[in-house]
N, C-alpha and C. Protein backbone atom coordinates (compact mmCIF):
# COMPACT_ATOMS: atom_id res chain seq x y z
N MET A 1 0.97 -1.13 0.08
CA MET A 1 -0.20 -0.19 -0.31
C MET A 1 1.08 1.31 -0.31
N ARG A 2 0.79 2.30 -1.02
CA ARG A 2 1.22 3.64 -0.77
C ARG A 2 0.34 4.47 -0.68
N GLY A 3 0.73 5.08 0.48
CA GLY A 3 -0.26 6.38 0.91
C GLY A 3 0.28 7.88 0.72
N ARG A 4 -0.18 8.72 0.40
CA ARG A 4 0.00 10.06 -0.01
C ARG A 4 -0.64 11.12 0.02
N PRO A 5 -0.42 12.42 0.51
CA PRO A 5 -1.28 13.59 1.01
C PRO A 5 -2.20 13.45 -0.47
N LYS A 6 -3.36 13.81 -0.43
CA LYS A 6 -4.45 13.99 -1.36
C LYS A 6 -4.38 15.49 -2.10
N ALA A 7 -4.51 15.76 -3.26
CA ALA A 7 -4.07 17.09 -3.45
C ALA A 7 -4.74 18.30 -2.96
N GLY A 8 -4.20 19.22 -2.84
CA GLY A 8 -4.79 20.50 -2.27
C GLY A 8 -4.65 19.88 -0.33
N ILE A 9 -4.11 19.40 0.00
CA ILE A 9 -3.20 19.25 1.58
C ILE A 9 -2.11 19.55 1.06
N LEU A 10 -1.66 20.09 2.52
CA LEU A 10 -0.43 20.65 2.72
C LEU A 10 0.45 19.73 2.90
N ASP A 11 1.77 19.88 2.40
CA ASP A 11 2.44 18.61 2.41
C ASP A 11 3.99 19.24 2.73
N PRO A 12 4.19 19.61 4.19
CA PRO A 12 5.53 20.09 4.52
C PRO A 12 6.67 19.25 4.17
N GLN A 13 6.55 17.87 4.14
CA GLN A 13 7.43 17.29 3.93
C GLN A 13 7.92 17.41 2.25
N GLY A 14 7.10 17.40 1.68
CA GLY A 14 7.35 17.72 0.18
C GLY A 14 7.78 18.41 -0.41
N GLU A 15 7.32 19.46 0.41
CA GLU A 15 7.43 21.39 0.18
C GLU A 15 9.27 21.35 0.75
N ALA A 16 9.26 20.68 1.70
CA ALA A 16 10.73 20.97 1.99
C ALA A 16 11.71 19.87 1.19
N VAL A 17 11.53 18.96 0.86
CA VAL A 17 12.19 18.12 -0.10
C VAL A 17 12.04 19.03 -1.62
N GLU A 18 11.27 19.56 -2.02
CA GLU A 18 11.15 20.10 -3.31
C GLU A 18 12.32 21.77 -3.04
N GLY A 19 11.93 22.09 -2.19
CA GLY A 19 13.04 23.19 -2.28
C GLY A 19 14.46 23.12 -1.91
N SER A 20 14.82 21.57 -1.32
CA SER A 20 16.27 21.48 -1.27
C SER A 20 16.97 21.34 -2.51
N LEU A 21 15.86 20.61 -3.49
CA LEU A 21 16.18 19.83 -5.05
C LEU A 21 16.22 21.15 -5.88
N ARG A 22 15.47 21.83 -5.26
CA ARG A 22 15.85 23.36 -6.33
C ARG A 22 17.25 24.00 -6.01
N LYS A 23 17.59 23.88 -4.67
CA LYS A 23 18.79 24.51 -4.36
C LYS A 23 19.82 23.84 -4.70
N LEU A 24 19.58 22.65 -5.01
CA LEU A 24 20.97 21.92 -5.56
C LEU A 24 20.86 21.86 -7.40
N GLY A 25 20.10 22.47 -7.69
CA GLY A 25 19.27 22.65 -9.00
C GLY A 25 18.60 21.68 -10.02
N PHE A 26 18.24 21.26 -9.68
CA PHE A 26 17.22 20.20 -10.04
C PHE A 26 15.66 20.86 -10.13
N PRO A 27 15.29 20.92 -11.58
CA PRO A 27 14.04 21.61 -11.98
C PRO A 27 12.94 20.73 -11.61
N VAL A 28 12.63 20.75 -10.58
CA VAL A 28 11.35 19.55 -9.89
C VAL A 28 10.46 20.99 -9.55
N HIS A 29 9.33 20.10 -9.48
CA HIS A 29 7.79 21.00 -8.61
C HIS A 29 6.86 19.77 -8.89
N GLY A 30 5.96 20.09 -7.69
CA GLY A 30 4.85 19.16 -7.29
C GLY A 30 5.12 18.35 -6.37
N ILE A 31 6.43 18.06 -5.66
CA ILE A 31 6.46 17.00 -5.03
C ILE A 31 5.72 16.32 -3.98
N ARG A 32 5.44 15.58 -3.60
CA ARG A 32 4.71 14.96 -2.45
C ARG A 32 5.48 13.86 -2.19
N VAL A 33 5.19 13.49 -0.98
CA VAL A 33 6.23 12.49 0.06
C VAL A 33 4.92 11.76 0.60
N GLY A 34 4.86 10.18 0.55
CA GLY A 34 4.33 9.42 1.13
C GLY A 34 4.94 8.77 1.95
N ARG A 35 4.17 7.25 1.83
CA ARG A 35 4.98 6.23 2.90
C ARG A 35 4.40 4.90 1.76
N LEU A 36 5.07 3.89 2.39
CA LEU A 36 4.86 2.62 1.41
C LEU A 36 4.97 1.48 2.55
N ILE A 37 4.02 0.82 2.43
CA ILE A 37 3.77 -0.12 3.61
C ILE A 37 3.70 -1.82 2.78
N ASP A 38 4.52 -2.35 3.20
CA ASP A 38 4.50 -3.78 3.02
C ASP A 38 3.75 -4.75 3.49
N LEU A 39 2.74 -6.05 3.30
CA LEU A 39 2.56 -6.58 3.98
C LEU A 39 2.07 -7.79 3.41
N GLU A 40 1.80 -8.97 3.91
CA GLU A 40 1.45 -10.21 3.37
C GLU A 40 0.20 -10.50 4.01
N VAL A 41 -0.99 -10.78 3.52
CA VAL A 41 -2.41 -11.65 3.85
C VAL A 41 -2.16 -13.11 3.80
N GLU A 42 -2.88 -13.35 4.87
CA GLU A 42 -2.83 -15.00 4.73
C GLU A 42 -3.94 -15.28 4.12
N THR A 43 -3.95 -15.00 2.33
CA THR A 43 -5.73 -15.56 1.92
C THR A 43 -4.91 -15.91 0.62
N ASP A 44 -5.21 -17.09 -0.12
CA ASP A 44 -4.78 -17.26 -1.62
C ASP A 44 -5.93 -16.82 -2.87
N ASP A 45 -6.80 -16.36 -1.73
CA ASP A 45 -7.78 -15.61 -2.99
C ASP A 45 -7.75 -14.11 -3.03
N PRO A 46 -7.17 -14.00 -4.67
CA PRO A 46 -6.80 -11.88 -4.53
C PRO A 46 -8.21 -11.00 -4.12
N ALA A 47 -9.18 -11.57 -4.66
CA ALA A 47 -10.17 -10.89 -4.32
C ALA A 47 -10.24 -10.87 -2.95
N GLU A 48 -10.34 -11.43 -1.95
CA GLU A 48 -10.11 -11.27 -0.21
C GLU A 48 -8.85 -10.72 -0.32
N ALA A 49 -8.21 -10.95 -0.32
CA ALA A 49 -6.68 -10.03 -0.15
C ALA A 49 -7.00 -8.63 -0.36
N ARG A 50 -7.60 -8.18 -1.77
CA ARG A 50 -7.58 -7.05 -1.58
C ARG A 50 -8.72 -6.07 -1.07
N ALA A 51 -9.71 -7.15 -0.70
CA ALA A 51 -10.77 -6.58 0.15
C ALA A 51 -10.06 -6.60 1.57
N GLN A 52 -9.27 -7.14 2.19
CA GLN A 52 -8.85 -7.11 3.28
C GLN A 52 -7.94 -6.17 3.28
N VAL A 53 -7.09 -5.51 2.58
CA VAL A 53 -6.14 -4.34 2.50
C VAL A 53 -6.85 -3.21 2.38
N GLU A 54 -8.17 -3.24 1.83
CA GLU A 54 -8.76 -1.78 1.29
C GLU A 54 -9.29 -1.81 2.80
N ARG A 55 -10.00 -2.81 3.66
CA ARG A 55 -10.56 -2.35 5.08
C ARG A 55 -9.63 -2.31 6.03
N MET A 56 -8.09 -2.69 6.02
CA MET A 56 -6.84 -2.03 6.88
C MET A 56 -6.84 -0.72 6.67
N CYS A 57 -6.36 -0.18 5.34
CA CYS A 57 -6.56 1.34 4.68
C CYS A 57 -7.74 2.15 5.54
N ALA A 58 -8.75 1.29 5.38
CA ALA A 58 -9.84 2.45 6.11
C ALA A 58 -9.80 2.86 7.54
N GLU A 59 -9.68 1.19 8.00
CA GLU A 59 -9.70 1.62 9.66
C GLU A 59 -8.69 2.27 10.21
N LEU A 60 -7.62 1.87 9.54
CA LEU A 60 -5.81 2.05 10.39
C LEU A 60 -5.12 2.96 9.63
N LEU A 61 -4.52 2.50 8.08
CA LEU A 61 -3.25 2.47 7.79
C LEU A 61 -3.50 4.09 6.84
N THR A 62 -4.88 4.66 6.89
CA THR A 62 -4.55 5.95 6.02
C THR A 62 -5.90 6.62 6.75
N ASN A 63 -5.72 7.96 6.54
CA ASN A 63 -7.27 8.62 7.10
C ASN A 63 -7.35 8.76 5.36
N PRO A 64 -8.65 8.82 5.27
CA PRO A 64 -9.12 8.96 3.52
C PRO A 64 -9.55 10.67 3.41
N LEU A 65 -9.76 10.89 4.25
CA LEU A 65 -9.86 12.80 4.54
C LEU A 65 -8.77 13.18 4.06
N ILE A 66 -7.57 12.91 4.26
CA ILE A 66 -6.41 13.73 3.53
C ILE A 66 -5.46 12.61 2.62
N GLU A 67 -5.60 11.71 2.61
CA GLU A 67 -4.84 10.37 2.09
C GLU A 67 -5.17 10.05 1.18
N SER A 68 -4.37 9.56 -0.06
CA SER A 68 -5.23 8.55 -1.00
C SER A 68 -4.42 7.38 -0.98
N ALA A 69 -4.76 5.93 -1.40
CA ALA A 69 -3.75 4.93 -0.86
C ALA A 69 -4.05 4.38 -2.46
N GLU A 70 -3.02 3.62 -2.78
CA GLU A 70 -2.92 2.95 -3.95
C GLU A 70 -2.42 1.59 -3.56
N ILE A 71 -3.26 0.54 -4.03
CA ILE A 71 -3.09 -0.76 -3.41
C ILE A 71 -2.19 -1.42 -4.63
N GLU A 72 -1.01 -2.43 -4.62
CA GLU A 72 -0.53 -3.64 -5.80
C GLU A 72 -0.26 -4.60 -5.16
N PHE A 73 -0.43 -5.61 -6.21
CA PHE A 73 -0.32 -6.90 -5.74
C PHE A 73 0.48 -7.30 -7.13
N PRO A 74 1.59 -8.38 -6.16
CA PRO A 74 2.86 -8.64 -6.80
C PRO A 74 2.34 -9.66 -8.46
């Protein structure tokens, strides 16, 4: 699961990284800093795994008011 601040939500960490990269001469903009959470779900059913991870995100791992979550499976 990857989580990052939604568009329009302040991201002070992203702003700091962007400012530092610009000072180093990199022409960047719109940097958003997020999190990556790797986890294993004990099921062989991909639909069940996705449902469990979506529930984890909704109940604990993300704040849906300010973060977006991206779920990927190998």
